[in-house]
Amino acid sequence: MQAAPPPATSLTALPAARVTLGILLMVAFSLTAPIMDSFAKMIGSALPVAQVAAIRFFAQALLLTPLAWAMGWLHMPGRSESGLHLVRAALLLIATGCFFFSLQFMPVADAIAIFFVEPFILTLLGGLLLGEAIGPRRYIACAIGFAGAMLVIRPSFQNVGAPALLPLVTALLFAFYMILTRRMATRMHPITLQAYTGIAALVLAVPVLVAANGSGLAQFDPEWPAAREAWLLVGLGLAATVSHICISFALKFAPASTLAPVQYLEIVTATAFGFWIFGDLPDTMAFCGIALIVASGLFVFLRERHLERRPLPQP
């Protein structure tokens, strides 16, 4: 599961070469993001989820902050901006923890497919919180997408119970995260925004881990990783950071409406990794649900793109 800011610059009349580069970077994201999730699943219950999530953001801050500093993109956030960074980081930190915890029980492809109801939640929140116009066709598409998610959740819920709902929680939290990101992405470079997200997540996570040290709480009490888990954490952090860089610059080079359908390649990649590494394949009902989610999501994105291109009425 990945957090990606919308583009920080105007994307009208972009050269075709830049749009093509953006699409290629989104393909790269869709290939690398499931690697991060696979590392998290391989770690499983060997380390607390809170610790794994914190290390994921530590890697992001460690790699992106020096890059942003070297390029002159850093600035000193004011009080209001710092508060927004902390709120965004809290949403993303909890969403990441929920998603990583779900991977202890579910195939990667199923969890990612359920998470892809996030565009539908974001569409509905845009209407409720931002006053964006939503037509009946998009409401129907959202309903069909949620029905698809229920088809994916059904066998997982029968097998593992409540953890099957955690990707839905992740999708909801991530949608609120994206609402805040829309407000902030135009004010700073996307790499800077991601670097500050990593720093803010550490500000929130480290005190929790310190307080939980020795508490015996399974998902919070930190442990010193064995060699295997240490290497998996390194891989997880690198994959997360590389995928973040790919999607950040993809959204800088090409419109989100162009890139969004490409991101569904992530489900295909996750299915391939899940089968190759863990021997997991979605069952027939889950495959039907994934097809509904993808078809409904593509309709929502294509509908929004059509409305963006429609000429305005003449006065």
Protein backbone atom coordinates (compact mmCIF):
# COMPACT_ATOMS: atom_id res chain seq x y z
CA MET A 1 0.00 0.00 0.00
CA GLN A 2 1.42 3.43 -1.01
CA ALA A 3 0.73 7.12 -0.31
CA ALA A 4 1.10 9.43 -3.27
CA PRO A 5 0.56 13.17 -3.52
CA PRO A 6 -1.20 14.68 -6.51
CA PRO A 7 0.93 16.74 -8.88
CA ALA A 8 2.53 19.90 -7.52
CA THR A 9 2.40 21.76 -10.83
CA SER A 10 -0.13 22.43 -13.55
CA LEU A 11 -0.50 19.49 -15.89
CA THR A 12 -2.25 21.15 -18.81
CA ALA A 13 -0.76 20.79 -22.27
CA LEU A 14 2.14 18.64 -21.13
CA PRO A 15 4.53 17.37 -23.85
CA ALA A 16 3.84 13.81 -24.94
CA ALA A 17 7.33 12.69 -23.91
CA ARG A 18 6.75 13.86 -20.33
CA VAL A 19 3.39 12.07 -20.18
CA THR A 20 5.01 8.89 -21.50
CA LEU A 21 7.73 9.16 -18.84
CA GLY A 22 5.03 9.61 -16.21
CA ILE A 23 3.26 6.45 -17.40
CA LEU A 24 6.53 4.49 -17.32
CA LEU A 25 7.20 5.71 -13.78
CA MET A 26 3.70 4.62 -12.73
CA VAL A 27 4.43 1.19 -14.22
CA ALA A 28 7.65 1.13 -12.16
CA PHE A 29 5.63 2.01 -9.06
CA SER A 30 3.13 -0.77 -9.76
CA LEU A 31 6.03 -3.23 -10.05
CA THR A 32 7.88 -2.13 -6.89
CA ALA A 33 5.05 -1.35 -4.44
CA PRO A 34 3.96 -5.02 -4.10
CA ILE A 35 7.59 -5.88 -3.33
CA MET A 36 7.29 -3.76 -0.18
CA ASP A 37 4.06 -5.56 0.75
CA SER A 38 5.67 -8.94 0.10
CA PHE A 39 8.55 -8.06 2.43
CA ALA A 40 6.02 -7.05 5.09
CA LYS A 41 4.18 -10.36 4.67
CA MET A 42 7.45 -12.30 4.91
CA ILE A 43 8.24 -10.53 8.19
CA GLY A 44 4.78 -11.55 9.41
CA SER A 45 4.47 -11.73 13.18
CA ALA A 46 8.24 -11.98 13.76
CA LEU A 47 8.28 -8.26 14.59
CA PRO A 48 5.58 -5.92 15.94
CA VAL A 49 3.57 -4.18 13.22
CA ALA A 50 4.22 -0.77 14.81
CA GLN A 51 7.96 -1.35 14.61
CA VAL A 52 7.82 -2.47 10.96
CA ALA A 53 5.73 0.58 10.01
CA ALA A 54 8.08 2.92 11.88
CA ILE A 55 11.15 1.49 10.13
CA ARG A 56 9.38 1.86 6.78
CA PHE A 57 8.99 5.61 7.44
CA PHE A 58 12.50 5.85 8.91
CA ALA A 59 13.88 4.62 5.58
CA GLN A 60 11.72 7.13 3.72
CA ALA A 61 12.94 10.03 5.87
CA LEU A 62 16.56 8.84 5.79
CA LEU A 63 16.70 8.59 2.01
CA LEU A 64 14.47 11.47 0.91
CA THR A 65 15.41 14.22 3.40
CA PRO A 66 19.07 14.46 2.24
CA LEU A 67 17.86 14.41 -1.37
CA ALA A 68 15.43 17.27 -0.74
CA TRP A 69 18.13 19.19 1.16
CA ALA A 70 20.73 18.71 -1.60
CA MET A 71 18.27 19.95 -4.24
CA GLY A 72 17.31 23.00 -2.14
CA TRP A 73 13.71 21.92 -1.75
CA LEU A 74 13.52 21.99 2.07
CA HIS A 75 11.99 24.82 4.06
CA MET A 76 11.08 25.44 7.70
CA PRO A 77 7.41 24.52 8.15
CA GLY A 78 5.25 26.92 10.12
CA ARG A 79 2.97 25.86 12.97
CA SER A 80 -0.06 25.33 10.76
CA GLU A 81 1.87 23.35 8.16
CA SER A 82 3.57 21.26 10.85
CA GLY A 83 0.14 20.35 12.24
CA LEU A 84 -1.02 19.22 8.81
CA HIS A 85 2.13 17.13 8.37
CA LEU A 86 1.45 15.42 11.71
CA VAL A 87 -2.19 14.74 10.89
CA ARG A 88 -1.26 13.34 7.46
CA ALA A 89 1.48 11.23 9.01
CA ALA A 90 -0.88 9.88 11.68
CA LEU A 91 -3.42 8.84 9.05
CA LEU A 92 -0.76 7.20 6.89
CA LEU A 93 1.02 5.56 9.82
CA ILE A 94 -2.16 3.94 11.12
CA ALA A 95 -3.23 2.99 7.58
CA THR A 96 0.15 1.35 6.95
CA GLY A 97 0.01 -0.53 10.26
CA CYS A 98 -3.48 -1.83 9.50
CA PHE A 99 -2.43 -2.96 6.05
CA PHE A 100 0.76 -4.68 7.23
CA PHE A 101 -1.21 -6.43 9.98
CA SER A 102 -3.78 -7.67 7.45
CA LEU A 103 -0.96 -9.22 5.42
CA GLN A 104 -0.25 -11.60 8.29
CA PHE A 105 -3.60 -13.25 7.51
CA MET A 106 -4.42 -12.49 3.85
CA PRO A 107 -2.87 -12.93 0.41
CA VAL A 108 -1.18 -9.75 -0.83
CA ALA A 109 -3.39 -9.57 -3.93
CA ASP A 110 -6.61 -9.78 -1.89
CA ALA A 111 -5.50 -7.05 0.51
CA ILE A 112 -4.44 -4.72 -2.31
CA ALA A 113 -7.65 -5.38 -4.24
CA ILE A 114 -9.75 -4.43 -1.20
CA PHE A 115 -7.61 -1.34 -0.70
CA PHE A 116 -8.47 -0.22 -4.24
CA VAL A 117 -11.92 0.86 -3.04
CA GLU A 118 -10.01 3.97 -1.88
CA PRO A 119 -10.77 5.90 -5.12
CA PHE A 120 -14.47 5.33 -4.52
CA ILE A 121 -14.21 6.53 -0.92
CA LEU A 122 -12.20 9.54 -2.12
CA THR A 123 -14.88 10.30 -4.71
CA LEU A 124 -17.61 10.22 -2.05
CA LEU A 125 -15.55 12.29 0.40
CA GLY A 126 -14.89 14.82 -2.33
CA GLY A 127 -18.63 15.29 -2.64
CA LEU A 128 -19.25 15.43 1.11
CA LEU A 129 -16.25 17.50 2.25
CA LEU A 130 -15.15 19.46 -0.82
CA GLY A 131 -18.50 20.02 -2.50
CA GLU A 132 -17.39 18.30 -5.70
CA ALA A 133 -20.20 17.35 -8.07
CA ILE A 134 -20.85 13.60 -8.27
CA GLY A 135 -23.32 12.30 -10.86
CA PRO A 136 -25.50 9.20 -10.52
CA ARG A 137 -23.20 7.17 -12.80
CA ARG A 138 -20.26 7.59 -10.45
CA TYR A 139 -22.43 6.75 -7.43
CA ILE A 140 -23.44 3.51 -9.19
CA ALA A 141 -19.80 2.77 -10.08
CA CYS A 142 -18.80 3.29 -6.45
CA ALA A 143 -21.55 0.93 -5.29
CA ILE A 144 -20.43 -1.74 -7.78
CA GLY A 145 -16.81 -1.28 -6.66
CA PHE A 146 -17.79 -1.77 -3.02
CA ALA A 147 -19.76 -4.88 -4.01
CA GLY A 148 -16.61 -6.20 -5.65
CA ALA A 149 -14.69 -5.56 -2.44
CA MET A 150 -17.27 -7.57 -0.52
CA LEU A 151 -16.70 -10.50 -2.90
CA VAL A 152 -12.98 -10.35 -2.12
CA ILE A 153 -13.57 -9.93 1.62
CA ARG A 154 -16.09 -12.78 1.88
CA PRO A 155 -13.70 -15.78 1.72
CA SER A 156 -11.04 -13.93 3.72
CA PHE A 157 -13.55 -13.01 6.43
CA GLN A 158 -14.70 -16.63 6.65
CA ASN A 159 -11.10 -17.76 7.05
CA VAL A 160 -9.50 -15.08 9.25
CA GLY A 161 -12.35 -12.97 10.64
CA ALA A 162 -12.05 -9.24 11.40
CA PRO A 163 -8.49 -8.76 9.98
CA ALA A 164 -10.06 -9.11 6.52
CA LEU A 165 -11.68 -5.71 7.09
CA LEU A 166 -8.38 -3.96 7.80
CA PRO A 167 -7.65 -3.08 4.13
CA LEU A 168 -10.99 -1.24 4.15
CA VAL A 169 -9.82 0.73 7.19
CA THR A 170 -6.59 1.47 5.32
CA ALA A 171 -8.55 2.69 2.29
CA LEU A 172 -10.71 5.00 4.45
CA LEU A 173 -7.74 6.51 6.28
CA PHE A 174 -5.79 6.89 3.05
CA ALA A 175 -8.71 8.72 1.43
CA PHE A 176 -8.69 11.29 4.25
CA TYR A 177 -4.89 11.47 3.85
CA MET A 178 -5.37 12.30 0.17
CA ILE A 179 -7.91 15.01 0.98
CA LEU A 180 -5.26 16.73 3.12
CA THR A 181 -2.57 16.08 0.53
CA ARG A 182 -4.61 17.92 -2.10
CA ARG A 183 -4.36 21.02 0.06
CA MET A 184 -0.60 20.76 0.56
CA ALA A 185 0.83 19.36 -2.67
CA THR A 186 0.76 22.68 -4.54
CA ARG A 187 2.94 24.36 -1.89
CA MET A 188 6.08 22.20 -2.07
CA HIS A 189 7.99 19.71 -4.16
CA PRO A 190 6.56 16.16 -3.90
CA ILE A 191 9.87 14.77 -2.63
CA THR A 192 9.88 17.39 0.14
CA LEU A 193 6.32 16.47 1.05
CA GLN A 194 7.26 12.78 1.26
CA ALA A 195 10.37 13.57 3.33
CA TYR A 196 8.34 15.58 5.84
CA THR A 197 5.77 12.79 5.94
CA GLY A 198 8.50 10.34 6.96
CA ILE A 199 9.85 12.71 9.62
CA ALA A 200 6.39 13.43 11.03
CA ALA A 201 5.58 9.69 11.15
CA LEU A 202 8.74 9.09 13.18
CA VAL A 203 7.84 11.93 15.55
CA LEU A 204 4.59 10.08 16.24
CA ALA A 205 5.83 6.48 16.15
CA VAL A 206 9.03 6.64 18.21
CA PRO A 207 7.38 7.78 21.49
CA VAL A 208 4.79 5.01 21.11
CA LEU A 209 7.49 2.38 20.64
CA VAL A 210 9.50 3.75 23.58
CA ALA A 211 6.42 3.69 25.81
CA ALA A 212 5.52 0.16 24.68
CA ASN A 213 9.03 -1.21 25.23
CA GLY A 214 8.74 -4.14 27.65
CA SER A 215 4.95 -3.88 27.80
CA GLY A 216 4.38 -7.26 26.17
CA LEU A 217 1.88 -5.78 23.68
CA ALA A 218 2.40 -8.02 20.68
CA GLN A 219 2.02 -5.40 17.95
CA PHE A 220 3.79 -2.52 19.75
CA ASP A 221 6.57 -3.89 21.99
CA PRO A 222 9.73 -3.50 19.87
CA GLU A 223 12.16 -6.37 19.42
CA TRP A 224 15.70 -6.57 18.08
CA PRO A 225 15.34 -8.17 14.63
CA ALA A 226 17.17 -11.35 13.68
CA ALA A 227 19.38 -11.27 10.62
CA ARG A 228 16.60 -12.47 8.31
CA GLU A 229 14.13 -9.84 9.51
CA ALA A 230 16.82 -7.12 9.40
CA TRP A 231 17.44 -7.77 5.71
CA LEU A 232 13.70 -7.89 5.02
CA LEU A 233 13.32 -4.49 6.74
CA VAL A 234 16.09 -3.06 4.57
CA GLY A 235 14.34 -4.38 1.47
CA LEU A 236 10.99 -3.07 2.66
CA GLY A 237 12.39 0.41 3.31
CA LEU A 238 14.16 0.58 -0.06
CA ALA A 239 11.13 -0.69 -1.97
CA ALA A 240 8.84 1.78 -0.21
CA THR A 241 11.15 4.72 -0.92
CA VAL A 242 11.77 3.79 -4.57
CA SER A 243 8.06 3.35 -5.18
CA HIS A 244 7.38 6.72 -3.54
CA ILE A 245 9.92 8.43 -5.77
CA CYS A 246 8.43 6.76 -8.86
CA ILE A 247 4.86 7.79 -8.11
CA SER A 248 5.80 11.28 -6.95
CA PHE A 249 7.57 12.07 -10.21
CA ALA A 250 4.99 10.19 -12.27
CA LEU A 251 2.35 12.58 -10.95
CA LYS A 252 4.66 15.49 -11.70
CA PHE A 253 5.02 14.46 -15.35
CA ALA A 254 1.51 13.26 -16.22
CA PRO A 255 -2.10 13.93 -15.16
CA ALA A 256 -3.49 11.79 -12.37
CA SER A 257 -6.46 10.86 -14.59
CA THR A 258 -4.00 9.40 -17.12
CA LEU A 259 -1.96 7.52 -14.52
CA ALA A 260 -4.74 6.14 -12.30
CA PRO A 261 -5.79 3.28 -14.62
CA VAL A 262 -2.14 2.20 -14.95
CA GLN A 263 -1.97 1.72 -11.17
CA TYR A 264 -4.33 -1.27 -11.45
CA LEU A 265 -1.28 -3.11 -12.77
CA GLU A 266 -0.37 -3.28 -9.07
CA ILE A 267 -3.07 -5.91 -8.53
CA VAL A 268 -1.59 -8.05 -11.32
CA THR A 269 1.92 -7.69 -9.90
CA ALA A 270 0.70 -8.45 -6.37
CA THR A 271 -1.03 -11.59 -7.62
CA ALA A 272 2.16 -12.71 -9.38
CA PHE A 273 4.34 -12.08 -6.32
CA GLY A 274 1.77 -13.72 -4.04
CA PHE A 275 1.74 -16.87 -6.15
CA TRP A 276 5.53 -16.95 -6.68
CA ILE A 277 6.55 -16.33 -3.06
CA PHE A 278 3.62 -17.61 -0.97
CA GLY A 279 1.69 -19.89 -3.33
CA ASP A 280 -1.42 -17.71 -2.88
CA LEU A 281 -4.02 -17.19 -5.58
CA PRO A 282 -7.41 -15.47 -5.19
CA ASP A 283 -10.31 -17.88 -5.51
CA THR A 284 -12.95 -17.58 -8.25
CA MET A 285 -15.20 -15.31 -6.19
CA ALA A 286 -12.27 -13.06 -5.31
CA PHE A 287 -11.22 -12.85 -8.96
CA CYS A 288 -14.78 -11.76 -9.82
CA GLY A 289 -14.61 -9.13 -7.09
CA ILE A 290 -11.25 -7.87 -8.35
CA ALA A 291 -12.69 -7.59 -11.87
CA LEU A 292 -15.62 -5.52 -10.54
CA ILE A 293 -13.28 -3.23 -8.58
CA VAL A 294 -11.02 -2.66 -11.59
CA ALA A 295 -13.90 -2.11 -14.02
CA SER A 296 -15.69 0.30 -11.68
CA GLY A 297 -12.49 2.16 -10.89
CA LEU A 298 -11.64 2.57 -14.57
CA PHE A 299 -15.15 3.88 -15.21
CA VAL A 300 -14.81 6.47 -12.44
CA PHE A 301 -11.45 7.66 -13.74
CA LEU A 302 -12.57 7.73 -17.39
CA ARG A 303 -15.77 9.55 -16.42
CA GLU A 304 -13.81 12.19 -14.53
CA ARG A 305 -11.45 12.58 -17.45
CA HIS A 306 -14.41 13.03 -19.82
CA LEU A 307 -15.90 15.70 -17.59
CA GLU A 308 -12.54 17.51 -17.41
CA ARG A 309 -12.41 17.66 -21.23
CA ARG A 310 -16.05 18.71 -21.70
CA PRO A 311 -16.27 22.33 -22.92
CA LEU A 312 -17.75 24.84 -20.53
CA PRO A 313 -21.19 26.25 -21.42
CA GLN A 314 -21.10 29.61 -23.14
CA PRO A 315 -22.59 32.58 -21.27
